[in-house]
Amino acid sequence: MKLSKILCLGAVSLAAAFAPLRGAVAQEVLRFSNWLPPTHYIVQEMLIPWAADVEQATEGRVKVEFINALGKPPAHLDLVRNGVADMGMSVHSYTANRFPLIEFAELPLTTEDGEVNSVAYWRTYDKFMKDAGEHRGVKLLGLWTSPATVIFTTKESLDGLDSLRGLKLRSPSPLFDTIGQKLNFVTVNAPASESYEMLSRGVIDGMYFQYDQIENFKLDRLIRSALQAPGGFGKSSQYMFMNERKWNRLSEADRAAIEKLSGEHIARAFGGKWNESEQQSIKRLTEAGLKTTKLEGAELEALRGRLQSIEDDWIATAEKKGVDGKAALQYYREQIAELEKEKAEKSGS
């Protein structure tokens, strides 16, 4: 066989061998340490759809893989910062001492709508606190909050604030501890994942929570009554983040694609989905016999008076951090009013 023919056949063989590689896509797999139950609403309706959007937006170059938790819920910020996991989500109040500035988004008596609060939260954080460094060491992808927090108990009924006196309630953060002190009940700190065991053993008489979380954590068989305040007793602030080194390894195009799905996009999407879930749970639990008492009139005004110092204390803390707390709160409330108006106009059209 002529040498030229041999070389030609060899070239064809090499081309055939490497042909599959031409269309191959180098994929970056991001391990997301998930401490929530796999069937939890946040996982199924928020995190997984977001991950699918990321894979589509990056044309398959970035894939988020959900794995079993590599540590306890409060440890996830450090797990991701140190590269044990590539991504995670957590609740700010689990390590509240690290995040004094974000407490404004958890304040009581602001708005009941999780989507409105989440978007107003992101805009305010982005404008006033982004450079304060509270999330240093990780790439912050998004912030969002729950709908309004309600007080749930195992008591058959609640007649108002005085009926809370002496009860033991699970508290997720120092903010809610302070509310408990001002309302004369005992707070017990623990992650949400421990709620069922603590209730069933009688360690606590109830908790701060949202209606849909009562269902998601299977607490509806134990809870009998709820106390609700307009705007809520507070909110739960949550966040999603990524290891900085992993983030910087992504291509500029993929980082840009993910940025479009982050920030206010996450706040609106996650807050909106959580708000929808909350409304559905309120309806189901009410129909199932859960008794909710709503504070109003003189008792509501008394509650406002008791809790005013919480806002004053946050403003003082913000000032020490170099943030204009009064201006931030004014902007935050302006955003809430604007967003509530937009939502009302949209629903009425």
Protein backbone atom coordinates (compact mmCIF):
# COMPACT_ATOMS: atom_id res chain seq x y z
CA MET A 1 0.00 0.00 0.00
CA LYS A 2 1.34 3.42 -0.94
CA LEU A 3 2.55 5.64 1.88
CA SER A 4 0.20 8.42 0.84
CA LYS A 5 -2.78 6.08 1.10
CA ILE A 6 -1.67 4.86 4.53
CA LEU A 7 -1.34 8.43 5.78
CA CYS A 8 -4.75 9.29 4.38
CA LEU A 9 -6.39 6.31 6.11
CA GLY A 10 -4.63 7.23 9.35
CA ALA A 11 -5.93 10.76 9.16
CA VAL A 12 -9.45 9.50 8.61
CA SER A 13 -9.14 7.15 11.60
CA LEU A 14 -7.92 9.97 13.85
CA ALA A 15 -10.69 12.24 12.67
CA ALA A 16 -13.24 9.53 13.45
CA ALA A 17 -11.76 8.93 16.88
CA PHE A 18 -11.93 12.58 17.87
CA ALA A 19 -15.19 13.44 16.13
CA PRO A 20 -17.35 12.97 19.29
CA LEU A 21 -15.20 15.53 21.12
CA ARG A 22 -15.95 18.33 18.68
CA GLY A 23 -19.48 18.77 19.94
CA ALA A 24 -18.73 17.91 23.56
CA VAL A 25 -19.45 20.53 26.22
CA ALA A 26 -17.18 20.89 29.24
CA GLN A 27 -19.59 20.77 32.17
CA GLU A 28 -19.07 22.36 35.58
CA VAL A 29 -21.01 20.35 38.17
CA LEU A 30 -21.84 22.35 41.31
CA ARG A 31 -22.54 20.23 44.39
CA PHE A 32 -25.40 21.79 46.36
CA SER A 33 -25.49 20.56 49.96
CA ASN A 34 -29.21 20.33 50.81
CA TRP A 35 -30.30 20.03 54.45
CA LEU A 36 -34.04 20.38 53.77
CA PRO A 37 -36.24 17.31 53.22
CA PRO A 38 -36.04 16.43 49.48
CA THR A 39 -39.82 16.83 49.17
CA HIS A 40 -39.87 20.21 50.90
CA TYR A 41 -41.62 22.98 48.96
CA ILE A 42 -38.50 25.17 48.90
CA VAL A 43 -36.52 22.37 47.29
CA GLN A 44 -39.16 21.25 44.80
CA GLU A 45 -40.61 24.62 43.78
CA MET A 46 -37.71 27.02 44.23
CA LEU A 47 -34.25 25.43 44.24
CA ILE A 48 -34.70 22.67 41.65
CA PRO A 49 -36.48 24.89 39.08
CA TRP A 50 -33.78 27.54 39.54
CA ALA A 51 -31.08 24.93 38.94
CA ALA A 52 -32.87 23.79 35.77
CA ASP A 53 -32.99 27.40 34.55
CA VAL A 54 -29.25 27.74 35.16
CA GLU A 55 -28.48 24.61 33.16
CA GLN A 56 -30.63 25.85 30.29
CA ALA A 57 -29.25 29.40 30.38
CA THR A 58 -25.66 28.09 30.24
CA GLU A 59 -26.54 25.60 27.47
CA GLY A 60 -25.65 22.69 29.74
CA ARG A 61 -22.21 23.97 30.72
CA VAL A 62 -23.23 24.45 34.38
CA LYS A 63 -25.21 21.84 36.26
CA VAL A 64 -26.35 21.99 39.88
CA GLU A 65 -26.31 18.61 41.61
CA PHE A 66 -28.27 18.33 44.87
CA ILE A 67 -26.58 16.09 47.42
CA ASN A 68 -27.35 15.08 50.99
CA ALA A 69 -26.40 17.63 53.63
CA LEU A 70 -22.69 17.71 54.43
CA GLY A 71 -23.36 19.33 57.79
CA LYS A 72 -26.02 20.82 60.04
CA PRO A 73 -28.09 23.77 58.72
CA PRO A 74 -26.15 26.51 60.60
CA ALA A 75 -22.82 25.16 59.26
CA HIS A 76 -23.60 25.63 55.58
CA LEU A 77 -22.13 29.09 55.12
CA ASP A 78 -18.73 27.85 56.27
CA LEU A 79 -19.07 24.57 54.36
CA VAL A 80 -19.47 26.49 51.13
CA ARG A 81 -16.93 29.17 52.01
CA ASN A 82 -14.33 26.47 52.69
CA GLY A 83 -15.15 24.50 49.54
CA VAL A 84 -16.57 21.40 51.25
CA ALA A 85 -19.68 22.07 49.14
CA ASP A 86 -19.95 24.29 46.06
CA MET A 87 -23.37 25.74 46.84
CA GLY A 88 -25.90 25.94 49.63
CA MET A 89 -28.77 27.86 51.15
CA SER A 90 -29.33 28.82 54.73
CA VAL A 91 -31.38 30.92 57.11
CA HIS A 92 -29.69 34.11 58.27
CA SER A 93 -31.03 33.74 61.79
CA TYR A 94 -29.17 30.43 62.27
CA THR A 95 -25.98 32.52 62.54
CA ALA A 96 -27.64 35.84 63.37
CA ASN A 97 -24.54 37.36 64.99
CA ARG A 98 -22.90 37.43 61.55
CA PHE A 99 -25.75 39.30 59.89
CA PRO A 100 -27.03 42.15 62.06
CA LEU A 101 -27.82 44.34 59.04
CA ILE A 102 -30.28 41.99 57.33
CA GLU A 103 -32.59 42.07 60.36
CA PHE A 104 -34.54 44.98 58.86
CA ALA A 105 -36.17 42.53 56.41
CA GLU A 106 -37.40 40.42 59.34
CA LEU A 107 -38.98 43.28 61.28
CA PRO A 108 -42.56 42.79 62.51
CA LEU A 109 -45.65 44.64 61.26
CA THR A 110 -44.39 45.51 57.76
CA THR A 111 -46.11 43.40 55.07
CA GLU A 112 -47.67 39.94 54.92
CA ASP A 113 -46.73 39.31 51.28
CA GLY A 114 -43.57 37.24 50.85
CA GLU A 115 -42.94 38.40 47.29
CA VAL A 116 -43.35 42.08 48.13
CA ASN A 117 -41.08 41.78 51.15
CA SER A 118 -38.43 39.80 49.28
CA VAL A 119 -38.15 42.27 46.39
CA ALA A 120 -38.15 45.29 48.73
CA TYR A 121 -35.50 43.45 50.78
CA TRP A 122 -33.21 42.84 47.80
CA ARG A 123 -33.51 46.41 46.52
CA THR A 124 -32.75 47.86 49.95
CA TYR A 125 -29.86 45.48 50.59
CA ASP A 126 -28.40 46.18 47.15
CA LYS A 127 -28.65 49.96 47.62
CA PHE A 128 -27.49 50.32 51.23
CA MET A 129 -25.69 47.17 52.42
CA LYS A 130 -24.08 45.35 49.52
CA ASP A 131 -20.63 46.70 50.37
CA ALA A 132 -20.88 46.10 54.13
CA GLY A 133 -19.24 42.68 53.74
CA GLU A 134 -21.65 40.53 55.74
CA HIS A 135 -21.54 37.81 53.05
CA ARG A 136 -17.82 38.05 52.41
CA GLY A 137 -16.14 34.82 51.41
CA VAL A 138 -19.02 33.54 49.28
CA LYS A 139 -20.78 34.66 46.11
CA LEU A 140 -24.23 35.79 47.23
CA LEU A 141 -26.76 34.71 44.61
CA GLY A 142 -29.99 35.81 46.22
CA LEU A 143 -31.98 36.83 49.28
CA TRP A 144 -35.64 36.25 50.02
CA THR A 145 -38.00 36.05 52.97
CA SER A 146 -40.99 34.07 54.05
CA PRO A 147 -44.48 35.55 54.17
CA ALA A 148 -45.51 37.00 57.54
CA THR A 149 -44.56 34.95 60.59
CA VAL A 150 -47.43 33.75 62.80
CA ILE A 151 -47.39 32.33 66.33
CA PHE A 152 -48.70 28.74 66.44
CA THR A 153 -49.41 26.76 69.62
CA THR A 154 -50.76 23.46 70.86
CA LYS A 155 -53.39 25.32 72.92
CA GLU A 156 -56.98 24.85 71.79
CA SER A 157 -57.38 28.60 71.33
CA LEU A 158 -55.60 31.93 71.81
CA ASP A 159 -57.47 34.96 73.13
CA GLY A 160 -54.79 37.56 72.43
CA LEU A 161 -51.36 38.58 73.62
CA ASP A 162 -52.00 37.72 77.27
CA SER A 163 -52.74 34.11 76.35
CA LEU A 164 -49.08 33.73 75.34
CA ARG A 165 -47.81 34.51 78.82
CA GLY A 166 -45.52 31.76 80.12
CA LEU A 167 -45.63 29.60 76.98
CA LYS A 168 -42.44 28.06 75.56
CA LEU A 169 -42.10 28.85 71.85
CA ARG A 170 -39.38 27.88 69.37
CA SER A 171 -37.52 30.98 68.25
CA PRO A 172 -35.30 31.08 65.16
CA SER A 173 -33.28 34.18 66.04
CA PRO A 174 -32.39 36.91 68.55
CA LEU A 175 -35.03 39.16 66.95
CA PHE A 176 -37.76 36.73 67.86
CA ASP A 177 -36.19 36.18 71.28
CA THR A 178 -36.62 39.91 71.89
CA ILE A 179 -40.24 39.79 70.78
CA GLY A 180 -40.80 36.93 73.22
CA GLN A 181 -39.34 38.93 76.08
CA LYS A 182 -41.62 41.86 75.29
CA LEU A 183 -44.68 39.60 75.08
CA ASN A 184 -43.84 37.62 78.24
CA PHE A 185 -43.27 34.14 76.86
CA VAL A 186 -40.21 31.89 76.91
CA THR A 187 -38.21 31.33 73.72
CA VAL A 188 -36.26 28.16 72.90
CA ASN A 189 -33.71 28.37 70.07
CA ALA A 190 -33.64 25.52 67.56
CA PRO A 191 -33.62 24.96 63.77
CA ALA A 192 -36.96 24.40 62.03
CA SER A 193 -36.00 20.79 61.32
CA GLU A 194 -36.24 20.00 65.08
CA SER A 195 -39.75 21.42 65.49
CA TYR A 196 -41.70 18.16 65.29
CA GLU A 197 -39.63 16.34 67.89
CA MET A 198 -39.70 19.30 70.29
CA LEU A 199 -43.48 19.71 69.98
CA SER A 200 -44.24 16.00 70.30
CA ARG A 201 -42.06 15.70 73.43
CA GLY A 202 -43.57 18.79 75.02
CA VAL A 203 -40.27 20.69 75.04
CA ILE A 204 -42.13 23.62 73.45
CA ASP A 205 -45.77 24.72 73.38
CA GLY A 206 -45.56 26.26 69.94
CA MET A 207 -43.42 28.30 67.58
CA TYR A 208 -42.99 31.22 65.25
CA PHE A 209 -43.67 29.88 61.74
CA GLN A 210 -45.65 30.24 58.52
CA TYR A 211 -48.77 28.26 57.66
CA ASP A 212 -47.13 26.37 54.81
CA GLN A 213 -44.22 25.35 57.03
CA ILE A 214 -46.70 23.83 59.47
CA GLU A 215 -47.68 21.54 56.60
CA ASN A 216 -44.17 21.04 55.18
CA PHE A 217 -42.77 19.90 58.52
CA LYS A 218 -45.88 17.76 59.26
CA LEU A 219 -46.84 19.80 62.32
CA ASP A 220 -50.54 20.16 61.49
CA ARG A 221 -51.43 17.13 63.65
CA LEU A 222 -49.89 18.85 66.69
CA ILE A 223 -50.82 22.53 66.24
CA ARG A 224 -54.28 23.73 67.34
CA SER A 225 -54.26 27.55 67.33
CA ALA A 226 -52.57 30.57 65.78
CA LEU A 227 -52.13 34.26 66.60
CA GLN A 228 -51.74 36.61 63.65
CA ALA A 229 -50.75 40.28 63.49
CA PRO A 230 -51.14 42.49 60.37
CA GLY A 231 -47.72 42.54 58.71
CA GLY A 232 -46.61 39.59 60.80
CA PHE A 233 -44.57 39.07 63.96
CA GLY A 234 -41.55 39.03 61.66
CA LYS A 235 -40.14 37.15 58.67
CA SER A 236 -37.56 34.47 58.01
CA SER A 237 -34.67 35.72 55.87
CA GLN A 238 -32.96 33.11 53.71
CA TYR A 239 -30.16 33.20 51.18
CA MET A 240 -28.40 31.14 48.51
CA PHE A 241 -24.68 31.32 47.93
CA MET A 242 -21.76 29.77 46.10
CA ASN A 243 -18.10 29.15 46.77
CA GLU A 244 -16.17 32.15 45.41
CA ARG A 245 -13.42 30.07 43.81
CA LYS A 246 -16.00 27.96 41.98
CA TRP A 247 -17.79 31.11 40.86
CA ASN A 248 -14.59 32.62 39.49
CA ARG A 249 -13.80 29.42 37.58
CA LEU A 250 -16.94 29.80 35.50
CA SER A 251 -16.65 31.54 32.16
CA GLU A 252 -17.63 35.17 31.90
CA ALA A 253 -20.61 34.19 29.73
CA ASP A 254 -21.86 31.63 32.25
CA ARG A 255 -21.46 34.03 35.17
CA ALA A 256 -23.47 36.62 33.22
CA ALA A 257 -26.20 34.06 32.50
CA ILE A 258 -26.44 33.09 36.18
CA GLU A 259 -26.46 36.75 37.30
CA LYS A 260 -29.62 37.28 35.22
CA LEU A 261 -31.28 34.49 37.23
CA SER A 262 -30.06 35.84 40.57
CA GLY A 263 -30.55 38.96 42.68
CA GLU A 264 -34.01 40.47 42.26
CA HIS A 265 -34.99 37.56 40.00
CA ILE A 266 -34.55 35.13 42.91
CA ALA A 267 -36.29 37.50 45.34
CA ARG A 268 -39.34 37.80 43.10
CA ALA A 269 -39.48 34.14 42.06
CA PHE A 270 -38.82 32.56 45.45
CA GLY A 271 -40.82 35.12 47.43
CA GLY A 272 -43.72 34.82 45.00
CA LYS A 273 -43.81 31.03 45.07
CA TRP A 274 -43.62 31.01 48.85
CA ASN A 275 -46.47 33.50 49.04
CA GLU A 276 -48.64 31.32 46.78
CA SER A 277 -47.88 28.28 48.90
CA GLU A 278 -48.78 30.23 52.06
CA GLN A 279 -52.19 31.24 50.75
CA GLN A 280 -53.00 27.66 49.82
CA SER A 281 -51.92 26.40 53.25
CA ILE A 282 -53.96 29.04 55.09
CA LYS A 283 -57.05 27.82 53.24
CA ARG A 284 -56.37 24.13 53.90
CA LEU A 285 -55.45 24.50 57.57
CA THR A 286 -58.41 26.78 58.28
CA GLU A 287 -60.78 24.28 56.65
CA ALA A 288 -59.16 21.52 58.72
CA GLY A 289 -60.06 23.38 61.95
CA LEU A 290 -57.02 25.50 62.84
CA LYS A 291 -58.25 28.47 64.88
CA THR A 292 -56.57 31.80 64.08
CA THR A 293 -56.98 34.89 66.25
CA LYS A 294 -56.17 38.20 64.52
CA LEU A 295 -54.89 41.11 66.58
CA GLU A 296 -56.65 44.41 65.90
CA GLY A 297 -57.71 47.66 67.52
CA ALA A 298 -56.26 48.62 70.88
CA GLU A 299 -54.39 45.34 71.26
CA LEU A 300 -52.65 45.83 67.92
CA GLU A 301 -51.64 49.37 68.92
CA ALA A 302 -50.32 48.02 72.20
CA LEU A 303 -48.23 45.51 70.25
CA ARG A 304 -46.79 48.30 68.09
CA GLY A 305 -45.79 50.19 71.21
CA ARG A 306 -44.12 47.17 72.78
CA LEU A 307 -42.10 46.39 69.65
CA GLN A 308 -41.03 49.91 68.59
CA SER A 309 -37.69 49.65 70.36
CA ILE A 310 -36.70 46.74 68.10
CA GLU A 311 -36.66 49.06 65.11
CA ASP A 312 -34.83 51.74 67.08
CA ASP A 313 -32.16 49.25 68.11
CA TRP A 314 -31.65 48.11 64.50
CA ILE A 315 -31.16 51.70 63.33
CA ALA A 316 -28.48 52.17 66.00
CA THR A 317 -26.76 48.93 64.92
CA ALA A 318 -26.82 49.99 61.27
CA GLU A 319 -25.27 53.34 62.13
CA LYS A 320 -22.37 51.57 63.85
CA LYS A 321 -21.86 49.56 60.65
CA GLY A 322 -21.71 52.73 58.58
CA VAL A 323 -25.21 52.35 57.14
CA ASP A 324 -27.86 55.09 57.31
CA GLY A 325 -30.49 53.00 59.08
CA LYS A 326 -33.28 55.58 58.95
CA ALA A 327 -32.79 56.15 55.22
CA ALA A 328 -32.64 52.40 54.57
CA LEU A 329 -35.89 51.76 56.45
CA GLN A 330 -37.62 54.62 54.71
CA TYR A 331 -36.51 53.29 51.31
CA TYR A 332 -37.55 49.74 52.30
CA ARG A 333 -41.06 50.87 53.28
CA GLU A 334 -41.35 52.96 50.11
CA GLN A 335 -40.52 49.87 48.07
CA ILE A 336 -43.11 47.83 49.97
CA ALA A 337 -45.79 50.45 49.31
CA GLU A 338 -44.86 50.67 45.62
CA LEU A 339 -44.79 46.90 45.14
CA GLU A 340 -48.09 46.37 46.99
CA LYS A 341 -49.70 49.03 44.79
CA GLU A 342 -48.34 47.41 41.62
CA LYS A 343 -49.60 44.01 42.73
CA ALA A 344 -53.05 45.35 43.61
CA GLU A 345 -53.34 47.11 40.24
CA LYS A 346 -52.23 43.97 38.42
CA SER A 347 -54.73 41.73 40.25
CA GLY A 348 -57.50 44.23 39.58
CA SER A 349 -56.80 44.52 35.86
